Amino acid sequence: MNNRLRELREQQGWSQGQLAERLAVSRQTVNALETGKYDPSLPLAFRIAQLFAAPIERIFLYEE
């Protein structure tokens, strides 16, 4: 699943570590999300959407 997480994080001027702290996950998890190696759980996806005040579908782009 593709996502805009890196773009949104950089717009805020946050490092991966800073985003990880805000989401209560590891920096490695943020890196894996940004590189598409890991798809978030539904609760994590909702936390990310809430943090960036955006609908989930604007952050995570589903491709068949």
PDB file of N, CA and C in Angstrom:
ATOM      1  N   MET A   1       0.839  -1.169   0.000  1.00  0.00           N
ATOM      2  CA  MET A   1       0.000   0.000   0.000  1.00  0.00           C
ATOM      3  C   MET A   1       0.892   1.242   0.000  1.00  0.00           C
ATOM      4  N   ASN A   2       0.642   2.117  -0.918  1.00  0.00           N
ATOM      5  CA  ASN A   2       1.389   3.369  -0.965  1.00  0.00           C
ATOM      6  C   ASN A   2       0.800   4.361   0.034  1.00  0.00           C
ATOM      7  N   ASN A   3       1.613   5.319   0.436  1.00  0.00           N
ATOM      8  CA  ASN A   3       1.116   6.325   1.373  1.00  0.00           C
ATOM      9  C   ASN A   3       1.866   7.639   1.188  1.00  0.00           C
ATOM     10  N   ARG A   4       1.332   8.678   1.808  1.00  0.00           N
ATOM     11  CA  ARG A   4       1.909  10.020   1.735  1.00  0.00           C
ATOM     12  C   ARG A   4       2.553  10.401   3.062  1.00  0.00           C
ATOM     13  N   LEU A   5       2.879   9.424   3.877  1.00  0.00           N
ATOM     14  CA  LEU A   5       3.363   9.694   5.223  1.00  0.00           C
ATOM     15  C   LEU A   5       4.636  10.539   5.233  1.00  0.00           C
ATOM     16  N   ARG A   6       5.601  10.192   4.405  1.00  0.00           N
ATOM     17  CA  ARG A   6       6.850  10.960   4.367  1.00  0.00           C
ATOM     18  C   ARG A   6       6.581  12.416   3.983  1.00  0.00           C
ATOM     19  N   GLU A   7       5.783  12.607   2.961  1.00  0.00           N
ATOM     20  CA  GLU A   7       5.441  13.958   2.500  1.00  0.00           C
ATOM     21  C   GLU A   7       4.770  14.762   3.613  1.00  0.00           C
ATOM     22  N   LEU A   8       3.802  14.165   4.296  1.00  0.00           N
ATOM     23  CA  LEU A   8       3.095  14.857   5.369  1.00  0.00           C
ATOM     24  C   LEU A   8       4.017  15.145   6.544  1.00  0.00           C
ATOM     25  N   ARG A   9       4.864  14.188   6.880  1.00  0.00           N
ATOM     26  CA  ARG A   9       5.826  14.374   7.983  1.00  0.00           C
ATOM     27  C   ARG A   9       6.772  15.520   7.665  1.00  0.00           C
ATOM     28  N   GLU A  10       7.306  15.540   6.450  1.00  0.00           N
ATOM     29  CA  GLU A  10       8.253  16.587   6.071  1.00  0.00           C
ATOM     30  C   GLU A  10       7.592  17.966   6.034  1.00  0.00           C
ATOM     31  N   GLN A  11       6.318  18.023   5.651  1.00  0.00           N
ATOM     32  CA  GLN A  11       5.597  19.301   5.665  1.00  0.00           C
ATOM     33  C   GLN A  11       5.531  19.870   7.080  1.00  0.00           C
ATOM     34  N   GLN A  12       5.479  19.002   8.073  1.00  0.00           N
ATOM     35  CA  GLN A  12       5.438  19.440   9.470  1.00  0.00           C
ATOM     36  C   GLN A  12       6.831  19.746  10.017  1.00  0.00           C
ATOM     37  N   GLY A  13       7.861  19.365   9.271  1.00  0.00           N
ATOM     38  CA  GLY A  13       9.223  19.578   9.725  1.00  0.00           C
ATOM     39  C   GLY A  13       9.652  18.588  10.807  1.00  0.00           C
ATOM     40  N   TRP A  14       9.018  17.418  10.832  1.00  0.00           N
ATOM     41  CA  TRP A  14       9.311  16.406  11.838  1.00  0.00           C
ATOM     42  C   TRP A  14      10.287  15.370  11.303  1.00  0.00           C
ATOM     43  N   SER A  15      11.143  14.876  12.169  1.00  0.00           N
ATOM     44  CA  SER A  15      11.991  13.734  11.834  1.00  0.00           C
ATOM     45  C   SER A  15      11.162  12.458  12.000  1.00  0.00           C
ATOM     46  N   GLN A  16      11.700  11.358  11.526  1.00  0.00           N
ATOM     47  CA  GLN A  16      11.006  10.089  11.739  1.00  0.00           C
ATOM     48  C   GLN A  16      10.865   9.810  13.234  1.00  0.00           C
ATOM     49  N   GLY A  17      11.883  10.144  14.001  1.00  0.00           N
ATOM     50  CA  GLY A  17      11.835   9.931  15.442  1.00  0.00           C
ATOM     51  C   GLY A  17      10.752  10.761  16.115  1.00  0.00           C
ATOM     52  N   GLN A  18      10.609  11.992  15.677  1.00  0.00           N
ATOM     53  CA  GLN A  18       9.574  12.858  16.251  1.00  0.00           C
ATOM     54  C   GLN A  18       8.173  12.337  15.929  1.00  0.00           C
ATOM     55  N   LEU A  19       7.983  11.884  14.696  1.00  0.00           N
ATOM     56  CA  LEU A  19       6.692  11.308  14.331  1.00  0.00           C
ATOM     57  C   LEU A  19       6.438  10.036  15.135  1.00  0.00           C
ATOM     58  N   ALA A  20       7.458   9.222  15.287  1.00  0.00           N
ATOM     59  CA  ALA A  20       7.325   7.987  16.052  1.00  0.00           C
ATOM     60  C   ALA A  20       6.882   8.282  17.479  1.00  0.00           C
ATOM     61  N   GLU A  21       7.460   9.295  18.099  1.00  0.00           N
ATOM     62  CA  GLU A  21       7.064   9.676  19.466  1.00  0.00           C
ATOM     63  C   GLU A  21       5.600  10.081  19.517  1.00  0.00           C
ATOM     64  N   ARG A  22       5.162  10.856  18.548  1.00  0.00           N
ATOM     65  CA  ARG A  22       3.766  11.312  18.529  1.00  0.00           C
ATOM     66  C   ARG A  22       2.791  10.157  18.332  1.00  0.00           C
ATOM     67  N   LEU A  23       3.241   9.110  17.633  1.00  0.00           N
ATOM     68  CA  LEU A  23       2.376   7.965  17.362  1.00  0.00           C
ATOM     69  C   LEU A  23       2.568   6.821  18.358  1.00  0.00           C
ATOM     70  N   ALA A  24       3.540   6.952  19.250  1.00  0.00           N
ATOM     71  CA  ALA A  24       3.868   5.908  20.232  1.00  0.00           C
ATOM     72  C   ALA A  24       4.282   4.608  19.543  1.00  0.00           C
ATOM     73  N   VAL A  25       5.148   4.755  18.514  1.00  0.00           N
ATOM     74  CA  VAL A  25       5.732   3.601  17.823  1.00  0.00           C
ATOM     75  C   VAL A  25       7.238   3.862  17.706  1.00  0.00           C
ATOM     76  N   SER A  26       7.972   2.884  17.199  1.00  0.00           N
ATOM     77  CA  SER A  26       9.412   3.061  17.026  1.00  0.00           C
ATOM     78  C   SER A  26       9.713   3.831  15.733  1.00  0.00           C
ATOM     79  N   ARG A  27      10.904   4.409  15.680  1.00  0.00           N
ATOM     80  CA  ARG A  27      11.341   5.072  14.453  1.00  0.00           C
ATOM     81  C   ARG A  27      11.412   4.071  13.318  1.00  0.00           C
ATOM     82  N   GLN A  28      11.780   2.831  13.634  1.00  0.00           N
ATOM     83  CA  GLN A  28      11.855   1.791  12.610  1.00  0.00           C
ATOM     84  C   GLN A  28      10.478   1.516  12.001  1.00  0.00           C
ATOM     85  N   THR A  29       9.436   1.598  12.820  1.00  0.00           N
ATOM     86  CA  THR A  29       8.075   1.411  12.310  1.00  0.00           C
ATOM     87  C   THR A  29       7.717   2.525  11.343  1.00  0.00           C
ATOM     88  N   VAL A  30       8.052   3.760  11.694  1.00  0.00           N
ATOM     89  CA  VAL A  30       7.779   4.891  10.800  1.00  0.00           C
ATOM     90  C   VAL A  30       8.528   4.693   9.485  1.00  0.00           C
ATOM     91  N   ASN A  31       9.793   4.280   9.559  1.00  0.00           N
ATOM     92  CA  ASN A  31      10.571   4.039   8.345  1.00  0.00           C
ATOM     93  C   ASN A  31       9.928   2.952   7.494  1.00  0.00           C
ATOM     94  N   ALA A  32       9.507   1.872   8.113  1.00  0.00           N
ATOM     95  CA  ALA A  32       8.879   0.773   7.373  1.00  0.00           C
ATOM     96  C   ALA A  32       7.561   1.213   6.741  1.00  0.00           C
ATOM     97  N   LEU A  33       6.811   2.048   7.428  1.00  0.00           N
ATOM     98  CA  LEU A  33       5.570   2.584   6.857  1.00  0.00           C
ATOM     99  C   LEU A  33       5.876   3.447   5.640  1.00  0.00           C
ATOM    100  N   GLU A  34       6.845   4.349   5.784  1.00  0.00           N
ATOM    101  CA  GLU A  34       7.167   5.270   4.699  1.00  0.00           C
ATOM    102  C   GLU A  34       7.704   4.556   3.465  1.00  0.00           C
ATOM    103  N   THR A  35       8.415   3.472   3.657  1.00  0.00           N
ATOM    104  CA  THR A  35       8.994   2.751   2.519  1.00  0.00           C
ATOM    105  C   THR A  35       8.071   1.655   1.983  1.00  0.00           C
ATOM    106  N   GLY A  36       6.900   1.512   2.591  1.00  0.00           N
ATOM    107  CA  GLY A  36       5.934   0.528   2.108  1.00  0.00           C
ATOM    108  C   GLY A  36       6.231  -0.896   2.511  1.00  0.00           C
ATOM    109  N   LYS A  37       7.137  -1.087   3.459  1.00  0.00           N
ATOM    110  CA  LYS A  37       7.481  -2.435   3.912  1.00  0.00           C
ATOM    111  C   LYS A  37       6.515  -2.941   4.976  1.00  0.00           C
ATOM    112  N   TYR A  38       5.671  -2.047   5.483  1.00  0.00           N
ATOM    113  CA  TYR A  38       4.750  -2.391   6.566  1.00  0.00           C
ATOM    114  C   TYR A  38       3.461  -1.617   6.367  1.00  0.00           C
ATOM    115  N   ASP A  39       2.334  -2.316   6.473  1.00  0.00           N
ATOM    116  CA  ASP A  39       1.027  -1.669   6.439  1.00  0.00           C
ATOM    117  C   ASP A  39       0.557  -1.500   7.879  1.00  0.00           C
ATOM    118  N   PRO A  40       0.043  -0.339   8.224  1.00  0.00           N
ATOM    119  CA  PRO A  40      -0.335  -0.106   9.609  1.00  0.00           C
ATOM    120  C   PRO A  40      -1.573  -0.894  10.013  1.00  0.00           C
ATOM    121  N   SER A  41      -1.679  -1.158  11.297  1.00  0.00           N
ATOM    122  CA  SER A  41      -2.917  -1.712  11.829  1.00  0.00           C
ATOM    123  C   SER A  41      -3.989  -0.638  11.685  1.00  0.00           C
ATOM    124  N   LEU A  42      -5.227  -1.029  11.784  1.00  0.00           N
ATOM    125  CA  LEU A  42      -6.309  -0.053  11.672  1.00  0.00           C
ATOM    126  C   LEU A  42      -6.228   1.003  12.778  1.00  0.00           C
ATOM    127  N   PRO A  43      -5.985   0.625  14.045  1.00  0.00           N
ATOM    128  CA  PRO A  43      -5.857   1.667  15.072  1.00  0.00           C
ATOM    129  C   PRO A  43      -4.709   2.646  14.784  1.00  0.00           C
ATOM    130  N   LEU A  44      -3.572   2.141  14.285  1.00  0.00           N
ATOM    131  CA  LEU A  44      -2.453   3.020  13.961  1.00  0.00           C
ATOM    132  C   LEU A  44      -2.813   3.932  12.791  1.00  0.00           C
ATOM    133  N   ALA A  45      -3.493   3.404  11.795  1.00  0.00           N
ATOM    134  CA  ALA A  45      -3.908   4.224  10.653  1.00  0.00           C
ATOM    135  C   ALA A  45      -4.813   5.364  11.116  1.00  0.00           C
ATOM    136  N   PHE A  46      -5.717   5.075  12.049  1.00  0.00           N
ATOM    137  CA  PHE A  46      -6.591   6.121  12.584  1.00  0.00           C
ATOM    138  C   PHE A  46      -5.805   7.154  13.375  1.00  0.00           C
ATOM    139  N   ARG A  47      -4.804   6.723  14.152  1.00  0.00           N
ATOM    140  CA  ARG A  47      -3.973   7.683  14.905  1.00  0.00           C
ATOM    141  C   ARG A  47      -3.215   8.594  13.953  1.00  0.00           C
ATOM    142  N   ILE A  48      -2.692   8.015  12.863  1.00  0.00           N
ATOM    143  CA  ILE A  48      -1.964   8.806  11.867  1.00  0.00           C
ATOM    144  C   ILE A  48      -2.901   9.824  11.230  1.00  0.00           C
ATOM    145  N   ALA A  49      -4.095   9.380  10.837  1.00  0.00           N
ATOM    146  CA  ALA A  49      -5.062  10.285  10.210  1.00  0.00           C
ATOM    147  C   ALA A  49      -5.455  11.402  11.163  1.00  0.00           C
ATOM    148  N   GLN A  50      -5.648  11.068  12.432  1.00  0.00           N
ATOM    149  CA  GLN A  50      -6.011  12.083  13.414  1.00  0.00           C
ATOM    150  C   GLN A  50      -4.871  13.084  13.613  1.00  0.00           C
ATOM    151  N   LEU A  51      -3.642  12.586  13.692  1.00  0.00           N
ATOM    152  CA  LEU A  51      -2.490  13.456  13.886  1.00  0.00           C
ATOM    153  C   LEU A  51      -2.359  14.474  12.755  1.00  0.00           C
ATOM    154  N   PHE A  52      -2.590  14.031  11.519  1.00  0.00           N
ATOM    155  CA  PHE A  52      -2.448  14.918  10.370  1.00  0.00           C
ATOM    156  C   PHE A  52      -3.769  15.582   9.968  1.00  0.00           C
ATOM    157  N   ALA A  53      -4.827  15.337  10.751  1.00  0.00           N
ATOM    158  CA  ALA A  53      -6.150  15.925  10.486  1.00  0.00           C
ATOM    159  C   ALA A  53      -6.571  15.710   9.033  1.00  0.00           C
ATOM    160  N   ALA A  54      -6.444  14.461   8.586  1.00  0.00           N
ATOM    161  CA  ALA A  54      -6.783  14.118   7.209  1.00  0.00           C
ATOM    162  C   ALA A  54      -7.484  12.763   7.188  1.00  0.00           C
ATOM    163  N   PRO A  55      -8.371  12.555   6.241  1.00  0.00           N
ATOM    164  CA  PRO A  55      -9.002  11.238   6.116  1.00  0.00           C
ATOM    165  C   PRO A  55      -7.954  10.163   5.783  1.00  0.00           C
ATOM    166  N   ILE A  56      -8.186   8.974   6.267  1.00  0.00           N
ATOM    167  CA  ILE A  56      -7.253   7.866   6.019  1.00  0.00           C
ATOM    168  C   ILE A  56      -6.966   7.704   4.532  1.00  0.00           C
ATOM    169  N   GLU A  57      -8.000   7.824   3.716  1.00  0.00           N
ATOM    170  CA  GLU A  57      -7.808   7.594   2.280  1.00  0.00           C
ATOM    171  C   GLU A  57      -6.975   8.687   1.595  1.00  0.00           C
ATOM    172  N   ARG A  58      -6.730   9.811   2.254  1.00  0.00           N
ATOM    173  CA  ARG A  58      -5.817  10.825   1.716  1.00  0.00           C
ATOM    174  C   ARG A  58      -4.371  10.538   2.075  1.00  0.00           C
ATOM    175  N   ILE A  59      -4.175   9.656   3.067  1.00  0.00           N
ATOM    176  CA  ILE A  59      -2.832   9.311   3.510  1.00  0.00           C
ATOM    177  C   ILE A  59      -2.389   7.979   2.917  1.00  0.00           C
ATOM    178  N   PHE A  60      -3.277   7.010   2.966  1.00  0.00           N
ATOM    179  CA  PHE A  60      -2.962   5.664   2.466  1.00  0.00           C
ATOM    180  C   PHE A  60      -3.710   5.421   1.171  1.00  0.00           C
ATOM    181  N   LEU A  61      -2.948   5.069   0.146  1.00  0.00           N
ATOM    182  CA  LEU A  61      -3.486   4.924  -1.197  1.00  0.00           C
ATOM    183  C   LEU A  61      -3.527   3.442  -1.572  1.00  0.00           C
ATOM    184  N   TYR A  62      -4.731   2.897  -1.625  1.00  0.00           N
ATOM    185  CA  TYR A  62      -4.899   1.479  -1.924  1.00  0.00           C
ATOM    186  C   TYR A  62      -4.759   1.214  -3.413  1.00  0.00           C
ATOM    187  N   GLU A  63      -3.954   0.207  -3.729  1.00  0.00           N
ATOM    188  CA  GLU A  63      -3.809  -0.222  -5.122  1.00  0.00           C
ATOM    189  C   GLU A  63      -4.038  -1.713  -5.198  1.00  0.00           C
ATOM    190  N   GLU A  64      -4.808  -2.147  -6.174  1.00  0.00           N
ATOM    191  CA  GLU A  64      -5.073  -3.582  -6.336  1.00  0.00           C
ATOM    192  C   GLU A  64      -3.932  -4.257  -7.030  1.00  0.00           C
TER     193      GLU A  64
END
